[in-house]
Amino acid sequence: MAANVETMFFTGRTVPWHGLGTMVEKAPTSQAALELAGLDWKVVQKKLITEDGFSIPGFKANVRDLDNRVLGVVTDRYKVVQNEEAFSFTDSLLGEGVTYETAGSLQEGRRTWILAKLPQKYIISGDEITPYLVFMNSHDGTGAIKAAMTPIRVVCQNTLNLALHTAKRSWSTNHMGEIYGKLQDARDSLLYAEQYMTELGKTIDTLNRQKLSDQQVYEYIDLLFPLIDNPTQQQMKNLRKMKEDVLKRYFEAPDLQYVGKNAYRFINAVSDFATHAKPLRERSNYRESLFGRTVDGNALIDKAYSIAVA
């Protein structure tokens, strides 16, 4: 590959892996975090009017009061949950040692989020893994308030939110308004996070014990990037480039040299590619899409994990 190893592999990354949002580490409350990130605006609902001046029954537009931007079209039954209310339950987590780190929005405000760092540091198979929680609210009618685990391998900032069968990596919160429900949501979030990290630790230990020959690695990557029917020359070139990229990360990444040739190393090589590799065609919303996949689950990392445990 043409890429230089020292520039391709990130050593000592200091910028958050997602490269988005505003740093809000000193925010004492979720409201303060929203203000620092410029997310303390409101959503108002307005009638939908045709060009002829007729209202459209059964639907309304969710509009940001800051600039009258339409964030989504929803039914009359849709209840707006303001950012302030959506994230207020996370304030009780601060007493448990959780700290806010970054906050921002996706898709021009349609989805807003706060990233929180959990106080525990996990040493799993010799690797330091820091657990994060992402809390996300939506204004386009796509879903409830969501919380998701995003464990980060500290040495390289790779995301390791694997789709485990034994623990949730994401869940919804629904208690708006009443204080008891919010406290329960906070307790549930910490419980789910602890359960996930416990199961992730067991999974990583198992992957570490699963030795791989070089031939197996090549076979895994062939399964990861299968050849499509009747590919064009450009598609063949792109496929070959992606395979070479992952292989180089597996065999040459400095932060994987001590790991050993095993399934955990393979998962990390794919995660590093999925998290940090420059896309073949970089669109303006690339980082937003990547962050969204981190919250919802990155399909490529999930596929690599499925291949490794098959």
Protein backbone atom coordinates (compact mmCIF):
# COMPACT_ATOMS: atom_id res chain seq x y z
CA MET A 1 0.00 0.00 0.00
CA ALA A 2 1.04 3.57 -0.62
CA ALA A 3 0.14 4.80 2.86
CA ASN A 4 3.02 5.37 5.24
CA VAL A 5 2.68 3.24 8.38
CA GLU A 6 3.44 6.10 10.78
CA THR A 7 0.78 8.37 9.28
CA MET A 8 -1.74 5.62 8.68
CA PHE A 9 -1.75 4.28 12.24
CA PHE A 10 -2.73 6.75 14.90
CA THR A 11 -0.44 6.73 17.94
CA GLY A 12 -1.41 8.97 20.82
CA ARG A 13 -4.72 10.22 19.41
CA THR A 14 -5.90 13.18 21.50
CA VAL A 15 -8.90 14.36 19.50
CA PRO A 16 -12.11 12.38 20.25
CA TRP A 17 -12.37 9.50 17.79
CA HIS A 18 -15.56 10.91 16.27
CA GLY A 19 -14.10 14.39 15.66
CA LEU A 20 -17.48 16.00 16.26
CA GLY A 21 -19.22 18.29 18.70
CA THR A 22 -17.99 20.65 21.40
CA MET A 23 -15.88 19.76 24.43
CA VAL A 24 -18.09 20.13 27.53
CA GLU A 25 -15.91 18.45 30.18
CA LYS A 26 -16.39 21.24 32.70
CA ALA A 27 -20.19 21.31 32.40
CA PRO A 28 -21.77 20.68 35.84
CA THR A 29 -25.18 19.81 34.36
CA SER A 30 -26.65 18.60 31.09
CA GLN A 31 -28.23 22.03 30.61
CA ALA A 32 -24.81 23.67 30.89
CA ALA A 33 -23.43 21.13 28.39
CA LEU A 34 -26.22 21.96 25.94
CA GLU A 35 -25.53 25.68 26.31
CA LEU A 36 -21.80 25.20 25.69
CA ALA A 37 -22.56 23.16 22.58
CA GLY A 38 -25.18 25.58 21.26
CA LEU A 39 -27.98 23.05 21.67
CA ASP A 40 -30.17 25.03 24.08
CA TRP A 41 -32.77 25.79 21.39
CA LYS A 42 -36.39 24.69 21.39
CA VAL A 43 -38.50 22.72 18.94
CA VAL A 44 -41.95 24.04 18.12
CA GLN A 45 -44.66 22.34 16.10
CA LYS A 46 -46.29 24.13 13.20
CA LYS A 47 -49.07 23.21 10.79
CA LEU A 48 -48.18 21.95 7.35
CA ILE A 49 -49.52 24.31 4.69
CA THR A 50 -49.60 23.57 0.95
CA GLU A 51 -48.56 26.14 -1.66
CA ASP A 52 -52.27 26.77 -2.20
CA GLY A 53 -52.74 27.68 1.46
CA PHE A 54 -54.49 24.49 2.59
CA SER A 55 -53.46 22.82 5.83
CA ILE A 56 -52.53 19.11 5.76
CA PRO A 57 -54.52 17.25 8.43
CA GLY A 58 -52.89 14.69 10.68
CA PHE A 59 -49.34 16.00 10.34
CA LYS A 60 -47.15 18.76 11.77
CA ALA A 61 -43.64 20.05 11.23
CA ASN A 62 -41.05 20.04 14.01
CA VAL A 63 -39.28 23.39 13.63
CA ARG A 64 -36.20 24.72 15.42
CA ASP A 65 -37.05 28.11 16.93
CA LEU A 66 -33.50 29.38 16.42
CA ASP A 67 -33.72 29.60 12.64
CA ASN A 68 -37.09 28.08 11.65
CA ARG A 69 -35.35 25.02 10.17
CA VAL A 70 -37.72 22.08 9.67
CA LEU A 71 -36.25 19.08 11.50
CA GLY A 72 -38.95 16.59 10.63
CA VAL A 73 -42.56 15.98 9.67
CA VAL A 74 -44.50 13.98 12.26
CA THR A 75 -48.05 12.92 13.03
CA ASP A 76 -50.35 14.87 15.33
CA ARG A 77 -49.73 12.30 18.06
CA TYR A 78 -45.99 12.97 18.18
CA LYS A 79 -44.85 14.63 21.42
CA VAL A 80 -41.79 16.85 21.23
CA VAL A 81 -39.14 16.12 23.85
CA GLN A 82 -36.89 19.15 24.19
CA ASN A 83 -33.13 18.61 24.46
CA GLU A 84 -33.11 19.94 28.01
CA GLU A 85 -35.73 17.43 29.12
CA ALA A 86 -34.29 14.54 27.11
CA PHE A 87 -30.89 14.68 28.80
CA SER A 88 -31.84 15.87 32.28
CA PHE A 89 -31.91 12.33 33.68
CA THR A 90 -28.17 12.05 32.99
CA ASP A 91 -27.42 14.68 35.65
CA SER A 92 -27.89 12.11 38.42
CA LEU A 93 -25.09 10.08 36.84
CA LEU A 94 -22.59 12.84 37.65
CA GLY A 95 -22.78 11.90 41.33
CA GLU A 96 -21.60 8.42 40.33
CA GLY A 97 -18.38 9.78 38.83
CA VAL A 98 -19.63 10.06 35.25
CA THR A 99 -18.41 13.16 33.37
CA TYR A 100 -19.69 14.79 30.22
CA GLU A 101 -17.11 14.98 27.45
CA THR A 102 -18.62 16.24 24.18
CA ALA A 103 -22.02 17.27 22.86
CA GLY A 104 -23.32 18.07 19.41
CA SER A 105 -25.91 17.43 16.75
CA LEU A 106 -26.28 15.35 13.60
CA GLN A 107 -28.16 16.01 10.38
CA GLU A 108 -28.47 19.76 11.00
CA GLY A 109 -30.15 19.28 14.37
CA ARG A 110 -32.42 16.34 13.63
CA ARG A 111 -30.51 14.32 16.23
CA THR A 112 -28.71 15.74 19.26
CA TRP A 113 -26.32 13.92 21.57
CA ILE A 114 -24.19 14.06 24.69
CA LEU A 115 -21.19 11.77 25.17
CA ALA A 116 -20.38 10.85 28.77
CA LYS A 117 -17.27 9.12 30.12
CA LEU A 118 -17.74 6.49 32.81
CA PRO A 119 -15.31 6.59 35.77
CA GLN A 120 -14.15 2.98 35.57
CA LYS A 121 -11.04 1.95 33.66
CA TYR A 122 -11.03 -1.66 32.53
CA ILE A 123 -7.84 -3.62 31.88
CA ILE A 124 -8.92 -6.48 29.63
CA SER A 125 -6.31 -8.93 28.34
CA GLY A 126 -3.66 -6.26 28.91
CA ASP A 127 -5.59 -3.53 27.08
CA GLU A 128 -7.03 -0.44 28.76
CA ILE A 129 -10.65 0.01 27.68
CA THR A 130 -12.54 3.18 28.62
CA PRO A 131 -16.34 2.95 28.58
CA TYR A 132 -18.44 5.80 27.20
CA LEU A 133 -22.18 6.31 27.01
CA VAL A 134 -23.80 8.25 24.19
CA PHE A 135 -27.24 9.72 24.87
CA MET A 136 -29.19 10.74 21.78
CA ASN A 137 -32.45 12.60 21.22
CA SER A 138 -34.23 12.90 17.86
CA HIS A 139 -36.60 15.54 16.45
CA ASP A 140 -37.40 13.93 13.10
CA GLY A 141 -39.78 11.29 14.42
CA THR A 142 -37.33 8.41 14.03
CA GLY A 143 -37.22 7.15 17.61
CA ALA A 144 -37.13 7.49 21.37
CA ILE A 145 -34.30 8.85 23.49
CA LYS A 146 -31.48 6.36 23.17
CA ALA A 147 -28.43 5.40 25.20
CA ALA A 148 -25.59 3.35 23.73
CA MET A 149 -22.30 1.91 24.93
CA THR A 150 -19.13 2.94 23.10
CA PRO A 151 -16.10 1.28 24.72
CA ILE A 152 -12.84 2.74 23.42
CA ARG A 153 -9.47 0.98 23.28
CA VAL A 154 -7.34 3.76 24.76
CA VAL A 155 -4.07 3.12 22.89
CA CYS A 156 -5.66 3.61 19.47
CA GLN A 157 -9.14 5.07 20.08
CA ASN A 158 -10.82 2.15 18.30
CA THR A 159 -14.48 1.56 19.12
CA LEU A 160 -15.34 -1.89 20.48
CA ASN A 161 -19.12 -1.83 20.85
CA LEU A 162 -19.56 -5.41 19.66
CA ALA A 163 -23.02 -6.90 19.17
CA LEU A 164 -22.89 -9.30 22.12
CA HIS A 165 -25.64 -11.86 22.61
CA THR A 166 -25.32 -11.65 26.38
CA ALA A 167 -25.65 -7.90 27.03
CA LYS A 168 -27.35 -4.84 25.57
CA ARG A 169 -25.18 -2.29 23.81
CA SER A 170 -28.06 0.20 23.40
CA TRP A 171 -31.43 0.85 25.00
CA SER A 172 -34.22 3.43 25.04
CA THR A 173 -35.27 5.71 27.88
CA ASN A 174 -38.85 6.87 28.17
CA HIS A 175 -39.45 8.57 31.51
CA MET A 176 -40.05 12.25 30.85
CA GLY A 177 -41.14 14.68 33.53
CA GLU A 178 -41.34 12.54 36.67
CA ILE A 179 -38.23 12.50 38.84
CA TYR A 180 -38.51 8.86 39.98
CA GLY A 181 -38.58 7.60 36.41
CA LYS A 182 -35.55 9.71 35.50
CA LEU A 183 -33.58 8.31 38.44
CA GLN A 184 -34.56 4.80 37.40
CA ASP A 185 -33.36 5.50 33.85
CA ALA A 186 -30.03 6.67 35.25
CA ARG A 187 -29.66 3.57 37.43
CA ASP A 188 -30.61 1.32 34.50
CA SER A 189 -28.03 3.00 32.29
CA LEU A 190 -25.23 2.32 34.77
CA LEU A 191 -26.45 -1.25 35.26
CA TYR A 192 -26.58 -1.94 31.52
CA ALA A 193 -23.15 -0.35 31.08
CA GLU A 194 -21.62 -2.51 33.81
CA GLN A 195 -23.24 -5.66 32.41
CA TYR A 196 -21.99 -4.85 28.92
CA MET A 197 -18.42 -4.20 30.04
CA THR A 198 -18.37 -7.44 32.06
CA GLU A 199 -19.51 -9.46 29.05
CA LEU A 200 -17.18 -7.55 26.72
CA GLY A 201 -14.27 -8.51 28.98
CA LYS A 202 -15.18 -12.19 28.73
CA THR A 203 -15.55 -11.89 24.96
CA ILE A 204 -12.17 -10.17 24.48
CA ASP A 205 -10.46 -12.83 26.63
CA THR A 206 -12.02 -15.52 24.44
CA LEU A 207 -11.00 -13.74 21.22
CA ASN A 208 -7.46 -13.39 22.57
CA ARG A 209 -7.23 -17.14 23.12
CA GLN A 210 -8.46 -17.84 19.58
CA LYS A 211 -5.21 -18.08 17.61
CA LEU A 212 -5.26 -17.33 13.88
CA SER A 213 -2.89 -18.46 11.18
CA ASP A 214 -1.99 -15.95 8.50
CA GLN A 215 -4.05 -17.99 6.04
CA GLN A 216 -7.11 -17.72 8.30
CA VAL A 217 -6.71 -13.94 8.40
CA TYR A 218 -6.72 -13.79 4.60
CA GLU A 219 -9.81 -16.00 4.54
CA TYR A 220 -11.59 -13.83 7.13
CA ILE A 221 -10.90 -10.69 5.10
CA ASP A 222 -12.20 -12.39 1.95
CA LEU A 223 -15.41 -13.11 3.86
CA LEU A 224 -15.48 -9.54 5.14
CA PHE A 225 -15.24 -8.10 1.62
CA PRO A 226 -16.86 -10.67 -0.71
CA LEU A 227 -16.61 -10.34 -4.46
CA ILE A 228 -19.85 -9.07 -5.99
CA ASP A 229 -21.33 -10.39 -9.23
CA ASN A 230 -19.99 -8.84 -12.43
CA PRO A 231 -17.80 -6.20 -10.73
CA THR A 232 -16.41 -3.30 -12.70
CA GLN A 233 -12.66 -2.65 -12.79
CA GLN A 234 -13.10 0.24 -10.35
CA GLN A 235 -15.07 -1.96 -7.93
CA MET A 236 -12.34 -4.59 -8.12
CA LYS A 237 -9.73 -1.93 -7.43
CA ASN A 238 -11.70 -0.57 -4.45
CA LEU A 239 -12.22 -4.05 -3.02
CA ARG A 240 -8.54 -4.87 -3.31
CA LYS A 241 -7.61 -1.56 -1.67
CA MET A 242 -9.90 -2.17 1.32
CA LYS A 243 -8.56 -5.69 1.81
CA GLU A 244 -4.96 -4.46 1.66
CA ASP A 245 -5.76 -1.71 4.15
CA VAL A 246 -7.20 -4.09 6.76
CA LEU A 247 -4.36 -6.57 6.23
CA LYS A 248 -1.77 -3.84 6.75
CA ARG A 249 -3.47 -2.78 9.96
CA TYR A 250 -3.57 -6.39 11.18
CA PHE A 251 0.09 -7.18 10.43
CA GLU A 252 1.79 -3.81 10.93
CA ALA A 253 -0.17 -1.56 13.32
CA PRO A 254 2.27 -0.64 16.15
CA ASP A 255 -0.42 -0.89 18.84
CA LEU A 256 -1.25 -4.48 17.81
CA GLN A 257 2.27 -5.91 17.79
CA TYR A 258 2.05 -7.11 21.40
CA VAL A 259 -1.46 -8.56 21.04
CA GLY A 260 -0.50 -11.74 19.21
CA LYS A 261 -2.01 -13.22 16.08
CA ASN A 262 -5.54 -13.94 17.21
CA ALA A 263 -9.19 -13.05 16.70
CA TYR A 264 -8.98 -10.00 18.99
CA ARG A 265 -6.23 -8.57 16.81
CA PHE A 266 -8.43 -9.18 13.74
CA ILE A 267 -11.39 -7.36 15.35
CA ASN A 268 -9.15 -4.42 16.22
CA ALA A 269 -7.72 -4.21 12.70
CA VAL A 270 -11.26 -4.05 11.29
CA SER A 271 -12.35 -1.56 13.96
CA ASP A 272 -9.35 0.65 13.20
CA PHE A 273 -10.24 0.54 9.51
CA ALA A 274 -13.94 1.21 10.16
CA THR A 275 -13.24 3.99 12.67
CA HIS A 276 -10.23 5.79 11.20
CA ALA A 277 -9.66 4.90 7.54
CA LYS A 278 -10.36 7.62 5.02
CA PRO A 279 -13.33 6.56 2.85
CA LEU A 280 -12.86 5.92 -0.85
CA ARG A 281 -15.26 8.80 -1.55
CA GLU A 282 -15.50 11.19 1.37
CA ARG A 283 -18.83 12.97 1.60
CA SER A 284 -19.45 16.10 3.64
CA ASN A 285 -21.46 14.13 6.23
CA TYR A 286 -18.94 11.30 6.51
CA ARG A 287 -18.05 11.88 10.17
CA GLU A 288 -21.71 12.23 11.12
CA SER A 289 -22.54 8.96 9.42
CA LEU A 290 -19.63 7.25 11.16
CA PHE A 291 -20.76 8.53 14.54
CA GLY A 292 -24.31 7.39 13.84
CA ARG A 293 -23.00 3.92 13.01
CA THR A 294 -21.06 3.94 16.25
CA VAL A 295 -24.26 4.57 18.20
CA ASP A 296 -26.41 2.16 16.20
CA GLY A 297 -23.67 -0.43 15.69
CA ASN A 298 -21.06 -0.47 12.93
CA ALA A 299 -22.10 -3.17 10.44
CA LEU A 300 -18.52 -3.90 9.34
CA ILE A 301 -17.28 -4.44 12.91
CA ASP A 302 -20.35 -6.56 13.66
CA LYS A 303 -19.65 -8.67 10.57
CA ALA A 304 -16.00 -9.14 11.58
CA TYR A 305 -17.10 -10.29 15.03
CA SER A 306 -19.63 -12.73 13.50
CA ILE A 307 -16.90 -14.16 11.25
CA ALA A 308 -14.50 -14.56 14.17
CA VAL A 309 -16.96 -16.42 16.41
CA ALA A 310 -18.58 -18.54 13.68
